[in-house]
């Protein structure tokens, strides 16, 4: 960007902004943090998305993170989860069946371990 002699060149605020964060990116970050043993929070998600530098609006992250927590609660309860956008309904139904079977198997294993079997 050119500027008159003696004045520093600056970028417009819109030129510095990165692309908006997506729901999928927040969901992926939340799962990655959970798998690493950290509770997903707005600030941790922002740091994860920016590789150590906060990225994304806290309001946007909050909206998507709230949706992630709601879906997690449904999954834990064994209820139906919103289909993945663009996924054919038959594939979504198959994945849901597989997920439910995995939940049943995990619960049985957990009960067996608690019982000391």
N, C-alpha and C. Protein backbone atom coordinates (compact mmCIF):
# COMPACT_ATOMS: atom_id res chain seq x y z
N UNK A 1 0.86 -1.17 0.00
CA UNK A 1 0.00 0.00 0.00
C UNK A 1 0.90 1.23 0.00
N UNK A 2 0.69 2.18 -0.93
CA UNK A 2 1.54 3.36 -0.99
C UNK A 2 1.00 4.44 -0.07
N UNK A 3 1.91 5.28 0.41
CA UNK A 3 1.51 6.38 1.29
C UNK A 3 2.41 7.57 1.00
N UNK A 4 1.95 8.76 1.37
CA UNK A 4 2.80 9.94 1.17
C UNK A 4 4.10 9.79 1.95
N UNK A 5 5.13 10.42 1.49
CA UNK A 5 6.44 10.33 2.15
C UNK A 5 6.33 10.74 3.60
N UNK A 6 6.94 9.94 4.48
CA UNK A 6 6.98 10.27 5.89
C UNK A 6 5.81 9.75 6.70
N UNK A 7 4.80 9.19 6.07
CA UNK A 7 3.68 8.62 6.84
C UNK A 7 3.65 7.12 6.64
N UNK A 8 3.45 6.39 7.72
CA UNK A 8 3.47 4.93 7.60
C UNK A 8 2.25 4.42 6.83
N UNK A 9 2.49 3.38 6.06
CA UNK A 9 1.39 2.73 5.34
C UNK A 9 0.62 1.86 6.33
N UNK A 10 -0.67 1.93 6.27
CA UNK A 10 -1.50 1.09 7.14
C UNK A 10 -2.52 0.35 6.29
N UNK A 11 -2.90 -0.80 6.79
CA UNK A 11 -3.93 -1.57 6.11
C UNK A 11 -5.28 -1.17 6.66
N UNK A 12 -6.28 -1.31 5.84
CA UNK A 12 -7.62 -1.05 6.34
C UNK A 12 -8.01 -2.20 7.26
N UNK A 13 -8.91 -1.95 8.24
CA UNK A 13 -9.32 -3.03 9.15
C UNK A 13 -9.85 -4.25 8.41
N UNK A 14 -10.57 -4.03 7.31
CA UNK A 14 -11.13 -5.18 6.59
C UNK A 14 -10.05 -6.01 5.92
N UNK A 15 -8.91 -5.39 5.56
CA UNK A 15 -7.83 -6.12 4.93
C UNK A 15 -7.12 -7.03 5.92
N UNK A 16 -7.15 -6.67 7.21
CA UNK A 16 -6.49 -7.47 8.24
C UNK A 16 -7.34 -8.63 8.71
N UNK A 17 -8.63 -8.56 8.52
CA UNK A 17 -9.53 -9.60 9.02
C UNK A 17 -9.34 -10.89 8.25
N UNK A 18 -9.39 -11.98 8.99
CA UNK A 18 -9.32 -13.28 8.33
C UNK A 18 -10.74 -13.72 7.99
N UNK A 19 -10.84 -14.78 7.25
CA UNK A 19 -12.15 -15.30 6.87
C UNK A 19 -12.94 -15.67 8.13
N UNK A 20 -14.27 -15.52 8.08
CA UNK A 20 -15.06 -15.87 9.26
C UNK A 20 -14.90 -17.35 9.61
N UNK A 21 -14.99 -17.64 10.88
CA UNK A 21 -14.86 -19.04 11.29
C UNK A 21 -16.19 -19.75 11.05
N UNK A 22 -16.10 -21.03 10.80
CA UNK A 22 -17.29 -21.81 10.48
C UNK A 22 -17.71 -22.66 11.67
N UNK A 23 -18.94 -23.11 11.61
CA UNK A 23 -19.48 -24.02 12.62
C UNK A 23 -18.63 -25.29 12.67
N UNK A 24 -18.28 -25.78 11.50
CA UNK A 24 -17.47 -27.00 11.42
C UNK A 24 -16.11 -26.81 12.09
N UNK A 25 -15.50 -25.65 11.89
CA UNK A 25 -14.19 -25.39 12.50
C UNK A 25 -14.29 -25.36 14.02
N UNK A 26 -15.36 -24.75 14.54
CA UNK A 26 -15.55 -24.70 15.99
C UNK A 26 -15.82 -26.11 16.53
N UNK A 27 -16.65 -26.89 15.83
CA UNK A 27 -16.93 -28.27 16.26
C UNK A 27 -15.64 -29.09 16.26
N UNK A 28 -14.84 -28.97 15.19
CA UNK A 28 -13.57 -29.71 15.12
C UNK A 28 -12.64 -29.32 16.26
N UNK A 29 -12.57 -28.02 16.54
CA UNK A 29 -11.71 -27.55 17.63
C UNK A 29 -12.21 -28.07 18.98
N UNK A 30 -13.53 -28.07 19.17
CA UNK A 30 -14.09 -28.56 20.43
C UNK A 30 -13.76 -30.04 20.63
N UNK A 31 -13.88 -30.83 19.57
CA UNK A 31 -13.55 -32.26 19.68
C UNK A 31 -12.06 -32.45 19.94
N UNK A 32 -11.23 -31.69 19.25
CA UNK A 32 -9.78 -31.82 19.44
C UNK A 32 -9.39 -31.47 20.88
N UNK A 33 -9.96 -30.41 21.41
CA UNK A 33 -9.67 -30.03 22.80
C UNK A 33 -10.16 -31.10 23.77
N UNK A 34 -11.34 -31.63 23.52
CA UNK A 34 -11.89 -32.67 24.38
C UNK A 34 -11.00 -33.91 24.36
N UNK A 35 -10.60 -34.32 23.17
CA UNK A 35 -9.73 -35.50 23.04
C UNK A 35 -8.39 -35.28 23.75
N UNK A 36 -7.95 -34.03 23.80
CA UNK A 36 -6.68 -33.71 24.47
C UNK A 36 -6.85 -33.56 25.98
N UNK A 37 -8.08 -33.71 26.45
CA UNK A 37 -8.33 -33.63 27.89
C UNK A 37 -8.69 -32.25 28.41
N UNK A 38 -8.93 -31.30 27.51
CA UNK A 38 -9.31 -29.94 27.91
C UNK A 38 -10.79 -29.71 27.67
N UNK A 39 -11.40 -28.93 28.56
CA UNK A 39 -12.80 -28.56 28.38
C UNK A 39 -12.85 -27.45 27.33
N UNK A 40 -13.66 -27.63 26.28
CA UNK A 40 -13.76 -26.57 25.27
C UNK A 40 -14.42 -25.31 25.85
N UNK A 41 -13.75 -24.21 25.76
CA UNK A 41 -14.30 -22.92 26.17
C UNK A 41 -14.16 -21.96 25.00
N UNK A 42 -14.82 -20.84 25.09
CA UNK A 42 -14.74 -19.86 24.01
C UNK A 42 -13.29 -19.46 23.76
N UNK A 43 -12.57 -19.12 24.82
CA UNK A 43 -11.19 -18.67 24.65
C UNK A 43 -10.28 -19.79 24.13
N UNK A 44 -10.44 -21.00 24.64
CA UNK A 44 -9.61 -22.11 24.15
C UNK A 44 -9.88 -22.40 22.68
N UNK A 45 -11.14 -22.32 22.27
CA UNK A 45 -11.48 -22.52 20.86
C UNK A 45 -10.81 -21.44 20.01
N UNK A 46 -10.91 -20.19 20.44
CA UNK A 46 -10.31 -19.09 19.69
C UNK A 46 -8.79 -19.26 19.57
N UNK A 47 -8.14 -19.67 20.65
CA UNK A 47 -6.70 -19.90 20.61
C UNK A 47 -6.36 -21.07 19.71
N UNK A 48 -7.15 -22.13 19.77
CA UNK A 48 -6.92 -23.31 18.92
C UNK A 48 -7.04 -22.92 17.45
N UNK A 49 -8.09 -22.17 17.11
CA UNK A 49 -8.32 -21.79 15.71
C UNK A 49 -7.23 -20.86 15.19
N UNK A 50 -6.64 -20.06 16.07
CA UNK A 50 -5.60 -19.12 15.65
C UNK A 50 -4.20 -19.60 15.92
N UNK A 51 -4.04 -20.89 16.24
CA UNK A 51 -2.71 -21.45 16.54
C UNK A 51 -1.98 -20.63 17.60
N UNK A 52 -2.68 -20.33 18.70
CA UNK A 52 -2.07 -19.62 19.81
C UNK A 52 -2.43 -18.15 19.88
N UNK A 53 -2.95 -17.60 18.80
CA UNK A 53 -3.43 -16.22 18.77
C UNK A 53 -4.94 -16.26 18.62
N UNK A 54 -5.68 -15.58 19.50
CA UNK A 54 -7.14 -15.66 19.41
C UNK A 54 -7.66 -15.32 18.01
N UNK A 55 -8.52 -16.17 17.49
CA UNK A 55 -9.10 -15.97 16.16
C UNK A 55 -10.60 -16.16 16.26
N UNK A 56 -11.34 -15.29 15.64
CA UNK A 56 -12.79 -15.40 15.61
C UNK A 56 -13.44 -14.56 16.69
N UNK A 57 -14.65 -14.18 16.40
CA UNK A 57 -15.43 -13.39 17.35
C UNK A 57 -15.89 -14.27 18.51
N UNK A 58 -15.74 -13.80 19.74
CA UNK A 58 -16.24 -14.58 20.88
C UNK A 58 -17.73 -14.89 20.74
N UNK A 59 -18.50 -13.96 20.17
CA UNK A 59 -19.93 -14.20 19.99
C UNK A 59 -20.19 -15.33 19.01
N UNK A 60 -19.45 -15.36 17.91
CA UNK A 60 -19.62 -16.42 16.92
C UNK A 60 -19.21 -17.76 17.51
N UNK A 61 -18.06 -17.79 18.18
CA UNK A 61 -17.60 -19.03 18.80
C UNK A 61 -18.63 -19.49 19.83
N UNK A 62 -19.15 -18.58 20.62
CA UNK A 62 -20.14 -18.95 21.63
C UNK A 62 -21.37 -19.59 21.00
N UNK A 63 -21.87 -19.02 19.91
CA UNK A 63 -23.04 -19.57 19.24
C UNK A 63 -22.78 -21.01 18.80
N UNK A 64 -21.66 -21.24 18.13
CA UNK A 64 -21.35 -22.58 17.63
C UNK A 64 -21.00 -23.54 18.76
N UNK A 65 -20.30 -23.05 19.77
CA UNK A 65 -19.93 -23.91 20.90
C UNK A 65 -21.18 -24.33 21.67
N UNK A 66 -22.14 -23.45 21.80
CA UNK A 66 -23.41 -23.82 22.45
C UNK A 66 -24.09 -24.94 21.67
N UNK A 67 -24.08 -24.84 20.34
CA UNK A 67 -24.66 -25.90 19.51
C UNK A 67 -23.91 -27.22 19.71
N UNK A 68 -22.58 -27.13 19.81
CA UNK A 68 -21.77 -28.33 20.02
C UNK A 68 -22.14 -29.00 21.34
N UNK A 69 -22.26 -28.21 22.41
CA UNK A 69 -22.63 -28.76 23.72
C UNK A 69 -24.01 -29.40 23.66
N UNK A 70 -24.95 -28.76 22.96
CA UNK A 70 -26.30 -29.32 22.84
C UNK A 70 -26.26 -30.67 22.13
N UNK A 71 -25.48 -30.76 21.05
CA UNK A 71 -25.38 -32.03 20.32
C UNK A 71 -24.65 -33.08 21.16
N UNK A 72 -23.67 -32.67 21.94
CA UNK A 72 -22.97 -33.61 22.81
C UNK A 72 -23.93 -34.20 23.82
N UNK A 73 -24.78 -33.36 24.39
CA UNK A 73 -25.76 -33.84 25.37
C UNK A 73 -26.71 -34.86 24.74
N UNK A 74 -27.13 -34.61 23.51
CA UNK A 74 -28.01 -35.54 22.81
C UNK A 74 -27.28 -36.86 22.55
N UNK A 75 -26.02 -36.77 22.14
CA UNK A 75 -25.24 -37.99 21.87
C UNK A 75 -25.07 -38.83 23.13
N UNK A 76 -24.74 -38.17 24.22
CA UNK A 76 -24.54 -38.89 25.47
C UNK A 76 -25.83 -39.57 25.91
N UNK A 77 -26.95 -38.89 25.68
CA UNK A 77 -28.25 -39.45 26.05
C UNK A 77 -28.70 -40.53 25.06
N UNK A 78 -28.00 -40.66 23.94
CA UNK A 78 -28.33 -41.69 22.96
C UNK A 78 -29.44 -41.29 22.00
N UNK A 79 -29.75 -40.00 21.93
CA UNK A 79 -30.80 -39.53 21.03
C UNK A 79 -30.27 -39.24 19.64
N UNK A 80 -31.18 -38.89 18.73
CA UNK A 80 -30.76 -38.60 17.36
C UNK A 80 -29.99 -37.29 17.29
N UNK A 81 -28.99 -37.26 16.46
CA UNK A 81 -28.15 -36.08 16.27
C UNK A 81 -28.44 -35.53 14.88
N UNK A 82 -28.36 -34.22 14.74
CA UNK A 82 -28.59 -33.58 13.44
C UNK A 82 -27.68 -34.20 12.39
N UNK A 83 -28.25 -34.47 11.23
CA UNK A 83 -27.48 -35.06 10.14
C UNK A 83 -26.37 -34.11 9.71
N UNK A 84 -25.31 -34.69 9.19
CA UNK A 84 -24.22 -33.89 8.66
C UNK A 84 -24.71 -33.26 7.36
N UNK A 85 -24.59 -31.93 7.21
CA UNK A 85 -25.08 -31.29 5.99
C UNK A 85 -24.47 -31.93 4.74
N UNK A 86 -25.31 -32.21 3.77
CA UNK A 86 -24.85 -32.78 2.51
C UNK A 86 -24.74 -34.29 2.51
N UNK A 87 -24.95 -34.91 3.65
CA UNK A 87 -24.85 -36.37 3.75
C UNK A 87 -26.20 -36.98 3.39
N UNK A 88 -26.22 -37.98 2.51
CA UNK A 88 -27.49 -38.62 2.17
C UNK A 88 -28.15 -39.19 3.43
N UNK A 89 -29.48 -39.09 3.53
CA UNK A 89 -30.18 -39.59 4.72
C UNK A 89 -29.88 -41.06 5.04
N UNK A 90 -29.71 -41.90 4.02
CA UNK A 90 -29.43 -43.32 4.28
C UNK A 90 -28.07 -43.49 4.97
N UNK A 91 -27.09 -42.70 4.56
CA UNK A 91 -25.76 -42.77 5.17
C UNK A 91 -25.84 -42.24 6.60
N UNK A 92 -26.57 -41.14 6.78
CA UNK A 92 -26.74 -40.58 8.12
C UNK A 92 -27.39 -41.58 9.06
N UNK A 93 -28.42 -42.28 8.57
CA UNK A 93 -29.11 -43.28 9.39
C UNK A 93 -28.17 -44.43 9.75
N UNK A 94 -27.35 -44.85 8.80
CA UNK A 94 -26.39 -45.93 9.05
C UNK A 94 -25.37 -45.50 10.11
N UNK A 95 -24.87 -44.29 9.98
CA UNK A 95 -23.90 -43.78 10.96
C UNK A 95 -24.53 -43.65 12.34
N UNK A 96 -25.79 -43.23 12.39
CA UNK A 96 -26.48 -43.11 13.67
C UNK A 96 -26.63 -44.49 14.32
N UNK A 97 -26.98 -45.51 13.52
CA UNK A 97 -27.11 -46.87 14.04
C UNK A 97 -25.77 -47.36 14.58
N UNK A 98 -24.72 -47.13 13.81
CA UNK A 98 -23.38 -47.54 14.24
C UNK A 98 -22.99 -46.83 15.54
N UNK A 99 -23.27 -45.55 15.62
CA UNK A 99 -22.95 -44.78 16.83
C UNK A 99 -23.69 -45.35 18.03
N UNK A 100 -24.98 -45.63 17.85
CA UNK A 100 -25.77 -46.17 18.96
C UNK A 100 -25.25 -47.53 19.42
N UNK A 101 -24.83 -48.37 18.46
CA UNK A 101 -24.25 -49.67 18.82
C UNK A 101 -22.94 -49.48 19.59
N UNK A 102 -22.15 -48.51 19.17
CA UNK A 102 -20.89 -48.24 19.87
C UNK A 102 -21.16 -47.75 21.29
N UNK A 103 -22.19 -46.94 21.47
CA UNK A 103 -22.55 -46.48 22.81
C UNK A 103 -22.96 -47.63 23.71
N UNK A 104 -23.77 -48.54 23.17
CA UNK A 104 -24.22 -49.70 23.95
C UNK A 104 -23.01 -50.54 24.36
N UNK A 105 -22.11 -50.80 23.41
CA UNK A 105 -20.92 -51.60 23.71
C UNK A 105 -20.04 -50.92 24.76
N UNK A 106 -19.88 -49.61 24.65
CA UNK A 106 -19.05 -48.88 25.61
C UNK A 106 -19.68 -48.90 27.00
N UNK A 107 -21.00 -48.75 27.07
CA UNK A 107 -21.68 -48.78 28.37
C UNK A 107 -21.55 -50.16 29.01
N UNK A 108 -21.67 -51.21 28.20
CA UNK A 108 -21.53 -52.57 28.73
C UNK A 108 -20.11 -52.80 29.25
N UNK A 109 -19.12 -52.35 28.50
CA UNK A 109 -17.73 -52.50 28.92
C UNK A 109 -17.48 -51.73 30.22
N UNK A 110 -18.01 -50.54 30.30
CA UNK A 110 -17.85 -49.71 31.50
C UNK A 110 -18.48 -50.39 32.71
N UNK A 111 -19.68 -50.94 32.53
CA UNK A 111 -20.34 -51.64 33.64
C UNK A 111 -19.52 -52.85 34.08
N UNK A 112 -18.99 -53.59 33.10
CA UNK A 112 -18.16 -54.76 33.42
C UNK A 112 -16.91 -54.35 34.20
N UNK A 113 -16.29 -53.25 33.79
CA UNK A 113 -15.08 -52.79 34.49
C UNK A 113 -15.41 -52.34 35.91
N UNK A 114 -16.55 -51.70 36.08
CA UNK A 114 -16.96 -51.28 37.42
C UNK A 114 -17.23 -52.48 38.32
N UNK A 115 -17.78 -53.52 37.73
CA UNK A 115 -18.11 -54.72 38.49
C UNK A 115 -16.86 -55.57 38.76
N UNK A 116 -15.74 -55.21 38.14
CA UNK A 116 -14.49 -55.94 38.35
C UNK A 116 -14.41 -57.25 37.61
N UNK A 117 -15.09 -57.33 36.51
CA UNK A 117 -15.09 -58.57 35.72
C UNK A 117 -13.89 -58.66 34.83
